[in-house]
């Protein structure tokens, strides 16, 4: 990646983060000249985690000014019919980790009882590890992802009933 393109990417991420804060949005995404940038913040008090993803070269470029003026809704990663109604979904794009560090015991297994607020797994985005928290107490019925698997925003991760 050239230095001028890196400056453009960094500047665009800063601009999007400012829009995110000013408009009190949870996520902003823009696609421009084969570059897709999504900036989102976790639902907790975690810092904003920018994510830069290069889109395929065949993608039609979108004007940056127009995208910055109007927030872009996040596309659904998985059809609603495929996801169980009570599945906990990914709050961001990143990589799932089932344990706090390599070789450590996993946070949860199928059949485990969890309480509201328990950490179920981590999602790493931009070298920041974000916990996926149980929204309610219950039993882990199904784990829909594997350790070190990349995930998209809104992708079903785990079912707790």
C-alpha atoms as a PDB file:
ATOM      1  CA  UNK A   1       0.000   0.000   0.000  1.00  0.00           C
ATOM      2  CA  UNK A   2       1.409   3.382  -0.935  1.00  0.00           C
ATOM      3  CA  UNK A   3       2.028   6.121   1.612  1.00  0.00           C
ATOM      4  CA  UNK A   4      -0.534   8.466   0.030  1.00  0.00           C
ATOM      5  CA  UNK A   5      -3.195   5.722   0.090  1.00  0.00           C
ATOM      6  CA  UNK A   6      -2.359   5.016   3.767  1.00  0.00           C
ATOM      7  CA  UNK A   7      -2.826   8.721   4.558  1.00  0.00           C
ATOM      8  CA  UNK A   8      -6.160   8.683   2.726  1.00  0.00           C
ATOM      9  CA  UNK A   9      -7.259   5.550   4.639  1.00  0.00           C
ATOM     10  CA  UNK A  10      -6.205   7.003   8.013  1.00  0.00           C
ATOM     11  CA  UNK A  11      -7.820  10.360   7.249  1.00  0.00           C
ATOM     12  CA  UNK A  12     -11.037   8.706   6.140  1.00  0.00           C
ATOM     13  CA  UNK A  13     -11.145   6.538   9.275  1.00  0.00           C
ATOM     14  CA  UNK A  14     -10.687   9.685  11.409  1.00  0.00           C
ATOM     15  CA  UNK A  15     -13.473  11.455   9.496  1.00  0.00           C
ATOM     16  CA  UNK A  16     -15.824   8.503   9.898  1.00  0.00           C
ATOM     17  CA  UNK A  17     -15.002   8.213  13.609  1.00  0.00           C
ATOM     18  CA  UNK A  18     -15.836  11.915  14.041  1.00  0.00           C
ATOM     19  CA  UNK A  19     -19.184  11.413  12.255  1.00  0.00           C
ATOM     20  CA  UNK A  20     -19.820   8.379  14.479  1.00  0.00           C
ATOM     21  CA  UNK A  21     -19.262  10.464  17.632  1.00  0.00           C
ATOM     22  CA  UNK A  22     -21.093  13.602  16.463  1.00  0.00           C
ATOM     23  CA  UNK A  23     -24.183  11.756  15.250  1.00  0.00           C
ATOM     24  CA  UNK A  24     -24.087   9.277  18.176  1.00  0.00           C
ATOM     25  CA  UNK A  25     -24.175   6.348  15.741  1.00  0.00           C
ATOM     26  CA  UNK A  26     -23.129   2.775  16.446  1.00  0.00           C
ATOM     27  CA  UNK A  27     -21.542   2.174  13.040  1.00  0.00           C
ATOM     28  CA  UNK A  28     -20.590   3.924   9.785  1.00  0.00           C
ATOM     29  CA  UNK A  29     -19.442   2.177   6.598  1.00  0.00           C
ATOM     30  CA  UNK A  30     -18.170   3.624   3.311  1.00  0.00           C
ATOM     31  CA  UNK A  31     -16.898   2.063   0.092  1.00  0.00           C
ATOM     32  CA  UNK A  32     -14.645   4.067  -2.252  1.00  0.00           C
ATOM     33  CA  UNK A  33     -12.343   3.026  -5.112  1.00  0.00           C
ATOM     34  CA  UNK A  34     -12.212  -0.633  -4.070  1.00  0.00           C
ATOM     35  CA  UNK A  35     -11.679   0.212  -0.389  1.00  0.00           C
ATOM     36  CA  UNK A  36     -14.395  -0.564   2.175  1.00  0.00           C
ATOM     37  CA  UNK A  37     -14.061   1.006   5.621  1.00  0.00           C
ATOM     38  CA  UNK A  38     -16.390   0.281   8.526  1.00  0.00           C
ATOM     39  CA  UNK A  39     -16.037   2.152  11.809  1.00  0.00           C
ATOM     40  CA  UNK A  40     -18.131   0.876  14.705  1.00  0.00           C
ATOM     41  CA  UNK A  41     -18.263   1.101  18.440  1.00  0.00           C
ATOM     42  CA  UNK A  42     -19.186  -1.677  20.842  1.00  0.00           C
ATOM     43  CA  UNK A  43     -22.426  -1.400  22.799  1.00  0.00           C
ATOM     44  CA  UNK A  44     -20.445  -1.154  26.023  1.00  0.00           C
ATOM     45  CA  UNK A  45     -18.099   1.696  26.940  1.00  0.00           C
ATOM     46  CA  UNK A  46     -15.303   0.200  24.789  1.00  0.00           C
ATOM     47  CA  UNK A  47     -13.384   2.552  22.481  1.00  0.00           C
ATOM     48  CA  UNK A  48     -14.314   2.862  18.803  1.00  0.00           C
ATOM     49  CA  UNK A  49     -12.635   0.109  16.788  1.00  0.00           C
ATOM     50  CA  UNK A  50     -12.055   1.089  13.140  1.00  0.00           C
ATOM     51  CA  UNK A  51     -11.938  -1.763  10.637  1.00  0.00           C
ATOM     52  CA  UNK A  52     -10.426  -1.390   7.156  1.00  0.00           C
ATOM     53  CA  UNK A  53     -11.321  -4.046   4.581  1.00  0.00           C
ATOM     54  CA  UNK A  54     -10.278  -3.937   0.932  1.00  0.00           C
ATOM     55  CA  UNK A  55     -13.237  -4.740  -1.297  1.00  0.00           C
ATOM     56  CA  UNK A  56     -12.822  -6.561  -4.624  1.00  0.00           C
ATOM     57  CA  UNK A  57     -11.521  -4.332  -7.428  1.00  0.00           C
ATOM     58  CA  UNK A  58     -14.722  -4.902  -9.431  1.00  0.00           C
ATOM     59  CA  UNK A  59     -16.804  -3.032  -6.831  1.00  0.00           C
ATOM     60  CA  UNK A  60     -18.287   0.211  -8.096  1.00  0.00           C
ATOM     61  CA  UNK A  61     -16.703   3.245  -6.416  1.00  0.00           C
ATOM     62  CA  UNK A  62     -18.949   5.453  -4.294  1.00  0.00           C
ATOM     63  CA  UNK A  63     -18.283   9.150  -3.712  1.00  0.00           C
ATOM     64  CA  UNK A  64     -16.699   9.644  -0.283  1.00  0.00           C
ATOM     65  CA  UNK A  65     -18.473  12.948   0.376  1.00  0.00           C
ATOM     66  CA  UNK A  66     -21.906  11.422  -0.219  1.00  0.00           C
ATOM     67  CA  UNK A  67     -21.136   8.430   1.999  1.00  0.00           C
ATOM     68  CA  UNK A  68     -19.860  10.679   4.783  1.00  0.00           C
ATOM     69  CA  UNK A  69     -22.978  12.859   4.616  1.00  0.00           C
ATOM     70  CA  UNK A  70     -25.406   9.965   5.051  1.00  0.00           C
ATOM     71  CA  UNK A  71     -24.562   6.919   7.223  1.00  0.00           C
ATOM     72  CA  UNK A  72     -24.675   3.581   5.424  1.00  0.00           C
ATOM     73  CA  UNK A  73     -26.679   0.805   7.047  1.00  0.00           C
ATOM     74  CA  UNK A  74     -24.765  -2.405   7.715  1.00  0.00           C
ATOM     75  CA  UNK A  75     -25.764  -5.242   5.401  1.00  0.00           C
ATOM     76  CA  UNK A  76     -27.200  -8.374   6.953  1.00  0.00           C
ATOM     77  CA  UNK A  77     -24.400 -10.937   7.146  1.00  0.00           C
ATOM     78  CA  UNK A  78     -26.703 -13.951   7.388  1.00  0.00           C
ATOM     79  CA  UNK A  79     -30.343 -14.325   6.382  1.00  0.00           C
ATOM     80  CA  UNK A  80     -32.631 -14.088   9.414  1.00  0.00           C
ATOM     81  CA  UNK A  81     -34.188 -17.465   8.596  1.00  0.00           C
ATOM     82  CA  UNK A  82     -30.811 -19.186   9.016  1.00  0.00           C
ATOM     83  CA  UNK A  83     -30.151 -17.747  12.487  1.00  0.00           C
ATOM     84  CA  UNK A  84     -31.959 -19.084  15.558  1.00  0.00           C
ATOM     85  CA  UNK A  85     -34.196 -16.418  17.106  1.00  0.00           C
ATOM     86  CA  UNK A  86     -32.266 -16.490  20.395  1.00  0.00           C
ATOM     87  CA  UNK A  87     -28.747 -16.462  18.881  1.00  0.00           C
ATOM     88  CA  UNK A  88     -26.274 -13.906  20.167  1.00  0.00           C
ATOM     89  CA  UNK A  89     -24.811 -12.134  17.151  1.00  0.00           C
ATOM     90  CA  UNK A  90     -21.447 -10.521  16.483  1.00  0.00           C
ATOM     91  CA  UNK A  91     -21.355  -6.819  17.368  1.00  0.00           C
ATOM     92  CA  UNK A  92     -18.516  -6.217  14.874  1.00  0.00           C
ATOM     93  CA  UNK A  93     -16.297  -7.600  12.149  1.00  0.00           C
ATOM     94  CA  UNK A  94     -13.324  -9.478  13.577  1.00  0.00           C
ATOM     95  CA  UNK A  95     -11.906 -12.833  14.611  1.00  0.00           C
ATOM     96  CA  UNK A  96     -13.553 -15.007  17.279  1.00  0.00           C
ATOM     97  CA  UNK A  97     -11.489 -16.528  20.070  1.00  0.00           C
ATOM     98  CA  UNK A  98     -13.077 -19.091  22.365  1.00  0.00           C
ATOM     99  CA  UNK A  99     -10.477 -18.718  25.166  1.00  0.00           C
ATOM    100  CA  UNK A 100      -8.604 -15.797  26.731  1.00  0.00           C
ATOM    101  CA  UNK A 101      -5.267 -16.979  25.281  1.00  0.00           C
ATOM    102  CA  UNK A 102      -3.937 -19.874  23.195  1.00  0.00           C
ATOM    103  CA  UNK A 103      -3.968 -23.155  25.126  1.00  0.00           C
ATOM    104  CA  UNK A 104      -6.221 -21.784  27.896  1.00  0.00           C
ATOM    105  CA  UNK A 105      -9.580 -23.292  28.871  1.00  0.00           C
ATOM    106  CA  UNK A 106     -12.456 -22.107  26.635  1.00  0.00           C
ATOM    107  CA  UNK A 107     -14.956 -19.640  28.090  1.00  0.00           C
ATOM    108  CA  UNK A 108     -17.972 -21.920  27.479  1.00  0.00           C
ATOM    109  CA  UNK A 109     -18.922 -25.322  26.083  1.00  0.00           C
ATOM    110  CA  UNK A 110     -22.279 -26.641  24.868  1.00  0.00           C
ATOM    111  CA  UNK A 111     -24.322 -27.555  27.941  1.00  0.00           C
ATOM    112  CA  UNK A 112     -22.659 -25.009  30.266  1.00  0.00           C
ATOM    113  CA  UNK A 113     -24.876 -22.805  32.443  1.00  0.00           C
ATOM    114  CA  UNK A 114     -24.114 -19.077  32.079  1.00  0.00           C
ATOM    115  CA  UNK A 115     -25.265 -15.993  33.954  1.00  0.00           C
ATOM    116  CA  UNK A 116     -26.124 -12.600  32.487  1.00  0.00           C
ATOM    117  CA  UNK A 117     -22.836 -10.740  32.005  1.00  0.00           C
ATOM    118  CA  UNK A 118     -20.612 -13.840  31.633  1.00  0.00           C
ATOM    119  CA  UNK A 119     -18.005 -13.666  28.856  1.00  0.00           C
ATOM    120  CA  UNK A 120     -18.849 -16.221  26.160  1.00  0.00           C
ATOM    121  CA  UNK A 121     -15.971 -15.499  23.733  1.00  0.00           C
ATOM    122  CA  UNK A 122     -13.774 -12.664  22.467  1.00  0.00           C
ATOM    123  CA  UNK A 123     -13.776 -10.865  19.127  1.00  0.00           C
ATOM    124  CA  UNK A 124     -10.475  -9.345  18.087  1.00  0.00           C
ATOM    125  CA  UNK A 125     -10.701  -6.283  15.862  1.00  0.00           C
ATOM    126  CA  UNK A 126      -7.696  -4.048  15.178  1.00  0.00           C
ATOM    127  CA  UNK A 127      -5.645  -5.717  17.952  1.00  0.00           C
ATOM    128  CA  UNK A 128      -8.396  -4.982  20.499  1.00  0.00           C
ATOM    129  CA  UNK A 129     -10.117  -7.912  22.211  1.00  0.00           C
ATOM    130  CA  UNK A 130     -13.832  -7.277  22.780  1.00  0.00           C
ATOM    131  CA  UNK A 131     -15.830  -9.651  24.997  1.00  0.00           C
ATOM    132  CA  UNK A 132     -19.118 -11.129  23.800  1.00  0.00           C
ATOM    133  CA  UNK A 133     -21.274 -11.070  26.911  1.00  0.00           C
ATOM    134  CA  UNK A 134     -24.287 -13.251  27.797  1.00  0.00           C
ATOM    135  CA  UNK A 135     -27.364 -11.053  27.489  1.00  0.00           C
ATOM    136  CA  UNK A 136     -29.304 -13.321  29.872  1.00  0.00           C
ATOM    137  CA  UNK A 137     -28.727 -16.400  31.975  1.00  0.00           C
ATOM    138  CA  UNK A 138     -29.330 -19.835  30.523  1.00  0.00           C
ATOM    139  CA  UNK A 139     -27.730 -22.911  29.018  1.00  0.00           C
ATOM    140  CA  UNK A 140     -25.397 -22.888  26.008  1.00  0.00           C
ATOM    141  CA  UNK A 141     -27.341 -24.904  23.406  1.00  0.00           C
ATOM    142  CA  UNK A 142     -25.125 -24.403  20.355  1.00  0.00           C
ATOM    143  CA  UNK A 143     -21.851 -22.707  19.424  1.00  0.00           C
ATOM    144  CA  UNK A 144     -22.101 -21.604  15.793  1.00  0.00           C
ATOM    145  CA  UNK A 145     -18.470 -20.531  15.217  1.00  0.00           C
ATOM    146  CA  UNK A 146     -15.008 -22.061  15.582  1.00  0.00           C
ATOM    147  CA  UNK A 147     -11.971 -20.670  17.385  1.00  0.00           C
ATOM    148  CA  UNK A 148      -9.977 -18.172  15.266  1.00  0.00           C
ATOM    149  CA  UNK A 149     -12.817 -17.911  12.719  1.00  0.00           C
ATOM    150  CA  UNK A 150     -13.404 -14.538  11.024  1.00  0.00           C
ATOM    151  CA  UNK A 151     -16.925 -13.190  11.620  1.00  0.00           C
ATOM    152  CA  UNK A 152     -19.051 -10.412  10.160  1.00  0.00           C
ATOM    153  CA  UNK A 153     -21.251  -7.866  11.908  1.00  0.00           C
ATOM    154  CA  UNK A 154     -24.587  -9.490  12.831  1.00  0.00           C
ATOM    155  CA  UNK A 155     -23.373 -13.056  12.262  1.00  0.00           C
ATOM    156  CA  UNK A 156     -24.892 -15.564  14.744  1.00  0.00           C
ATOM    157  CA  UNK A 157     -22.256 -16.782  17.224  1.00  0.00           C
ATOM    158  CA  UNK A 158     -23.896 -18.788  20.004  1.00  0.00           C
ATOM    159  CA  UNK A 159     -27.322 -19.892  21.200  1.00  0.00           C
ATOM    160  CA  UNK A 160     -28.137 -19.527  24.903  1.00  0.00           C
ATOM    161  CA  UNK A 161     -31.607 -20.614  26.074  1.00  0.00           C
END
